[in-house]
Each structure stands twice: as C-alpha cells, then as structure tokens.
Amino acid sequence: MATVYLTFTITKTFEEWKAVFDADQDNLVSSGIQTLAVGYQLDTPNTVRVAFSADSQKVVEDFTQQNTTDIESSGHVLESTIWETFSS
C-alpha cells in the first residue's frame, strides 16, 4: 500500500471544490482509492492537499487520467499538481 499526497491549486473556493470532491467519493472507492485527509493551506486557501491510500501511485494516476474533465471542472488546476508517495 502507498499513501499518495497531492498538493495543487484550485480556481474555485475550497468549499466549491470540496463539494465536487465529496460527491465523487464512491467513484474513488470503486477505483481502489481511499481518502485519508483533505485540507487547504491556511495562509493560501487556494492551495489544497489531499492524502489518499491506494495500492500504488499508479492507481491514483490512472484515476486522474480517466477523470480529467471532471477534475478540471471542479477547479483543480492539474498542471499545478505535486505528487508525493510514501509507504504506508
């Protein structure tokens, strides 16, 4: 298992972005991804960090590639994403 951290910029408010993210939890779970934590940087609320648990970073990458349109429409700026993966 891996813990995958994503840090990225959003173009909408955190609340708007999170409503879309929360609505997609069943899709994440069915793809083998569990959300561990979600939050924004206190002094920069348009910077978000999400922690996922999955078999590998590739599982999360594949999900992202398969759902690019929905992710971008949430306000997530895909080009800003920083990926970090740790053992769990």
N, C-alpha and C. Protein backbone atom coordinates (compact mmCIF):
# COMPACT_ATOMS: atom_id res chain seq x y z
N MET A 1 0.85 -1.19 0.00
CA MET A 1 0.00 0.00 0.00
C MET A 1 0.88 1.24 0.00
N ALA A 2 0.30 2.32 -0.50
CA ALA A 2 1.00 3.59 -0.57
C ALA A 2 0.08 4.70 -0.08
N THR A 3 0.69 5.71 0.51
CA THR A 3 -0.02 6.94 0.82
C THR A 3 0.44 7.97 -0.19
N VAL A 4 -0.52 8.48 -0.95
CA VAL A 4 -0.22 9.41 -2.03
C VAL A 4 -0.76 10.78 -1.64
N TYR A 5 0.15 11.76 -1.62
CA TYR A 5 -0.22 13.14 -1.29
C TYR A 5 -0.23 13.95 -2.57
N LEU A 6 -1.30 14.70 -2.78
CA LEU A 6 -1.39 15.62 -3.90
C LEU A 6 -1.54 17.02 -3.34
N THR A 7 -0.73 17.93 -3.84
CA THR A 7 -0.84 19.34 -3.49
C THR A 7 -1.07 20.08 -4.80
N PHE A 8 -2.08 20.96 -4.83
CA PHE A 8 -2.42 21.62 -6.09
C PHE A 8 -3.17 22.92 -5.83
N THR A 9 -3.30 23.70 -6.88
CA THR A 9 -4.01 24.97 -6.85
C THR A 9 -5.44 24.74 -7.35
N ILE A 10 -6.37 25.49 -6.78
CA ILE A 10 -7.75 25.47 -7.27
C ILE A 10 -8.16 26.87 -7.71
N THR A 11 -9.10 26.93 -8.67
CA THR A 11 -9.58 28.21 -9.18
C THR A 11 -10.92 28.61 -8.59
N LYS A 12 -11.52 27.71 -7.81
CA LYS A 12 -12.78 28.00 -7.13
C LYS A 12 -12.51 28.08 -5.64
N THR A 13 -13.51 28.41 -4.85
CA THR A 13 -13.31 28.39 -3.41
C THR A 13 -13.10 26.95 -2.95
N PHE A 14 -12.50 26.79 -1.79
CA PHE A 14 -12.29 25.45 -1.26
C PHE A 14 -13.63 24.74 -1.08
N GLU A 15 -14.62 25.44 -0.59
CA GLU A 15 -15.94 24.84 -0.35
C GLU A 15 -16.56 24.34 -1.65
N GLU A 16 -16.44 25.14 -2.73
CA GLU A 16 -16.97 24.72 -4.04
C GLU A 16 -16.22 23.49 -4.55
N TRP A 17 -14.89 23.54 -4.46
CA TRP A 17 -14.08 22.41 -4.93
C TRP A 17 -14.41 21.16 -4.11
N LYS A 18 -14.49 21.30 -2.78
CA LYS A 18 -14.69 20.14 -1.92
C LYS A 18 -16.07 19.51 -2.13
N ALA A 19 -17.07 20.29 -2.45
CA ALA A 19 -18.39 19.73 -2.71
C ALA A 19 -18.33 18.76 -3.89
N VAL A 20 -17.59 19.11 -4.93
CA VAL A 20 -17.43 18.23 -6.09
C VAL A 20 -16.60 17.01 -5.69
N PHE A 21 -15.52 17.23 -4.95
CA PHE A 21 -14.66 16.13 -4.50
C PHE A 21 -15.45 15.14 -3.64
N ASP A 22 -16.22 15.66 -2.70
CA ASP A 22 -17.01 14.79 -1.82
C ASP A 22 -18.04 13.98 -2.60
N ALA A 23 -18.62 14.57 -3.62
CA ALA A 23 -19.62 13.88 -4.43
C ALA A 23 -19.02 12.73 -5.23
N ASP A 24 -17.69 12.70 -5.37
CA ASP A 24 -17.03 11.68 -6.18
C ASP A 24 -16.42 10.56 -5.34
N GLN A 25 -16.69 10.52 -4.06
CA GLN A 25 -16.06 9.52 -3.19
C GLN A 25 -16.38 8.08 -3.58
N ASP A 26 -17.60 7.80 -4.00
CA ASP A 26 -17.95 6.43 -4.41
C ASP A 26 -17.10 6.00 -5.60
N ASN A 27 -16.86 6.92 -6.54
CA ASN A 27 -16.03 6.63 -7.71
C ASN A 27 -14.59 6.34 -7.29
N LEU A 28 -14.07 7.12 -6.35
CA LEU A 28 -12.72 6.88 -5.84
C LEU A 28 -12.62 5.51 -5.18
N VAL A 29 -13.56 5.22 -4.30
CA VAL A 29 -13.55 3.94 -3.58
C VAL A 29 -13.64 2.77 -4.55
N SER A 30 -14.51 2.87 -5.55
CA SER A 30 -14.64 1.77 -6.51
C SER A 30 -13.38 1.60 -7.37
N SER A 31 -12.53 2.63 -7.39
CA SER A 31 -11.26 2.55 -8.12
C SER A 31 -10.12 2.09 -7.22
N GLY A 32 -10.42 1.80 -5.96
CA GLY A 32 -9.39 1.31 -5.04
C GLY A 32 -8.65 2.41 -4.31
N ILE A 33 -9.28 3.57 -4.18
CA ILE A 33 -8.64 4.73 -3.56
C ILE A 33 -9.46 5.17 -2.35
N GLN A 34 -8.79 5.30 -1.21
CA GLN A 34 -9.45 5.79 0.00
C GLN A 34 -8.90 7.17 0.34
N THR A 35 -9.78 8.12 0.60
CA THR A 35 -9.35 9.46 1.00
C THR A 35 -9.03 9.43 2.49
N LEU A 36 -7.83 9.89 2.84
CA LEU A 36 -7.40 9.92 4.23
C LEU A 36 -7.55 11.30 4.86
N ALA A 37 -7.27 12.34 4.08
CA ALA A 37 -7.34 13.71 4.60
C ALA A 37 -7.46 14.69 3.45
N VAL A 38 -8.13 15.81 3.72
CA VAL A 38 -8.31 16.88 2.74
C VAL A 38 -8.24 18.20 3.48
N GLY A 39 -7.50 19.15 2.94
CA GLY A 39 -7.46 20.47 3.56
C GLY A 39 -6.81 21.49 2.66
N TYR A 40 -6.85 22.73 3.11
CA TYR A 40 -6.20 23.80 2.34
C TYR A 40 -5.14 24.47 3.21
N GLN A 41 -4.19 25.10 2.55
CA GLN A 41 -3.12 25.79 3.25
C GLN A 41 -3.72 27.03 3.92
N LEU A 42 -3.51 27.19 5.21
CA LEU A 42 -4.18 28.25 5.97
C LEU A 42 -3.91 29.65 5.43
N ASP A 43 -2.69 29.93 5.01
CA ASP A 43 -2.39 31.27 4.51
C ASP A 43 -2.59 31.41 3.00
N THR A 44 -2.92 30.30 2.33
CA THR A 44 -3.17 30.32 0.89
C THR A 44 -4.32 29.35 0.61
N PRO A 45 -5.56 29.77 0.81
CA PRO A 45 -6.70 28.84 0.74
C PRO A 45 -6.95 28.23 -0.64
N ASN A 46 -6.28 28.73 -1.68
CA ASN A 46 -6.45 28.10 -2.99
C ASN A 46 -5.38 27.03 -3.23
N THR A 47 -4.61 26.69 -2.21
CA THR A 47 -3.66 25.57 -2.27
C THR A 47 -4.22 24.44 -1.42
N VAL A 48 -4.47 23.30 -2.07
CA VAL A 48 -5.13 22.17 -1.43
C VAL A 48 -4.17 20.99 -1.34
N ARG A 49 -4.32 20.22 -0.27
CA ARG A 49 -3.57 18.96 -0.14
C ARG A 49 -4.57 17.86 0.17
N VAL A 50 -4.41 16.74 -0.54
CA VAL A 50 -5.24 15.56 -0.34
C VAL A 50 -4.31 14.38 -0.10
N ALA A 51 -4.67 13.53 0.86
CA ALA A 51 -3.92 12.30 1.11
C ALA A 51 -4.83 11.12 0.78
N PHE A 52 -4.30 10.23 -0.05
CA PHE A 52 -5.03 9.03 -0.45
C PHE A 52 -4.27 7.79 -0.02
N SER A 53 -4.99 6.71 0.18
CA SER A 53 -4.39 5.39 0.35
C SER A 53 -4.81 4.56 -0.85
N ALA A 54 -3.82 3.90 -1.48
CA ALA A 54 -4.08 3.06 -2.65
C ALA A 54 -2.96 2.04 -2.76
N ASP A 55 -3.14 1.06 -3.63
CA ASP A 55 -2.09 0.05 -3.82
C ASP A 55 -0.80 0.67 -4.33
N SER A 56 -0.91 1.75 -5.12
CA SER A 56 0.28 2.41 -5.67
C SER A 56 -0.10 3.79 -6.18
N GLN A 57 0.89 4.60 -6.48
CA GLN A 57 0.65 5.92 -7.07
C GLN A 57 -0.03 5.76 -8.42
N LYS A 58 0.32 4.70 -9.15
CA LYS A 58 -0.26 4.47 -10.46
C LYS A 58 -1.78 4.36 -10.41
N VAL A 59 -2.33 3.78 -9.37
CA VAL A 59 -3.78 3.68 -9.23
C VAL A 59 -4.40 5.08 -9.22
N VAL A 60 -3.79 6.00 -8.47
CA VAL A 60 -4.30 7.37 -8.39
C VAL A 60 -4.06 8.10 -9.71
N GLU A 61 -2.90 7.88 -10.33
CA GLU A 61 -2.61 8.49 -11.63
C GLU A 61 -3.63 8.03 -12.68
N ASP A 62 -3.92 6.74 -12.71
CA ASP A 62 -4.89 6.20 -13.67
C ASP A 62 -6.27 6.82 -13.45
N PHE A 63 -6.68 6.94 -12.19
CA PHE A 63 -7.96 7.57 -11.88
C PHE A 63 -7.98 9.00 -12.39
N THR A 64 -6.90 9.72 -12.17
CA THR A 64 -6.81 11.12 -12.61
C THR A 64 -6.92 11.22 -14.12
N GLN A 65 -6.21 10.36 -14.83
CA GLN A 65 -6.27 10.38 -16.30
C GLN A 65 -7.66 10.03 -16.82
N GLN A 66 -8.34 9.11 -16.17
CA GLN A 66 -9.67 8.69 -16.61
C GLN A 66 -10.76 9.71 -16.28
N ASN A 67 -10.47 10.62 -15.36
CA ASN A 67 -11.48 11.59 -14.89
C ASN A 67 -11.02 13.03 -15.05
N THR A 68 -10.13 13.28 -16.00
CA THR A 68 -9.53 14.60 -16.19
C THR A 68 -10.58 15.70 -16.34
N THR A 69 -11.58 15.50 -17.15
CA THR A 69 -12.59 16.54 -17.40
C THR A 69 -13.32 16.93 -16.12
N ASP A 70 -13.76 15.93 -15.35
CA ASP A 70 -14.46 16.21 -14.10
C ASP A 70 -13.54 16.89 -13.08
N ILE A 71 -12.30 16.43 -13.02
CA ILE A 71 -11.35 17.01 -12.06
C ILE A 71 -11.09 18.47 -12.41
N GLU A 72 -10.87 18.76 -13.68
CA GLU A 72 -10.62 20.14 -14.09
C GLU A 72 -11.86 21.02 -13.85
N SER A 73 -13.05 20.48 -14.09
CA SER A 73 -14.26 21.29 -13.89
C SER A 73 -14.51 21.60 -12.41
N SER A 74 -13.89 20.83 -11.51
CA SER A 74 -14.01 21.11 -10.08
C SER A 74 -13.23 22.34 -9.66
N GLY A 75 -12.31 22.79 -10.54
CA GLY A 75 -11.43 23.92 -10.22
C GLY A 75 -10.00 23.51 -9.96
N HIS A 76 -9.71 22.21 -9.97
CA HIS A 76 -8.36 21.68 -9.76
C HIS A 76 -7.52 21.99 -10.99
N VAL A 77 -6.43 22.72 -10.80
CA VAL A 77 -5.50 23.03 -11.89
C VAL A 77 -4.51 21.86 -11.97
N LEU A 78 -4.76 20.95 -12.92
CA LEU A 78 -3.96 19.72 -12.99
C LEU A 78 -2.47 19.99 -13.16
N GLU A 79 -2.11 21.01 -13.93
CA GLU A 79 -0.70 21.31 -14.16
C GLU A 79 0.04 21.74 -12.90
N SER A 80 -0.70 22.14 -11.88
CA SER A 80 -0.07 22.60 -10.64
C SER A 80 0.18 21.45 -9.66
N THR A 81 -0.28 20.25 -9.98
CA THR A 81 -0.25 19.14 -9.03
C THR A 81 1.16 18.66 -8.74
N ILE A 82 1.47 18.56 -7.46
CA ILE A 82 2.72 17.97 -6.98
C ILE A 82 2.36 16.64 -6.35
N TRP A 83 3.01 15.57 -6.83
CA TRP A 83 2.75 14.22 -6.34
C TRP A 83 3.85 13.81 -5.38
N GLU A 84 3.47 13.23 -4.24
CA GLU A 84 4.42 12.64 -3.29
C GLU A 84 3.84 11.30 -2.85
N THR A 85 4.66 10.29 -2.85
CA THR A 85 4.18 8.96 -2.45
C THR A 85 5.08 8.38 -1.38
N PHE A 86 4.47 7.85 -0.35
CA PHE A 86 5.17 7.27 0.79
C PHE A 86 4.64 5.88 1.06
N SER A 87 5.43 5.05 1.69
CA SER A 87 4.94 3.73 2.11
C SER A 87 3.92 3.94 3.22
N SER A 88 3.05 2.96 3.36
CA SER A 88 2.08 3.08 4.45
C SER A 88 2.02 1.78 5.23
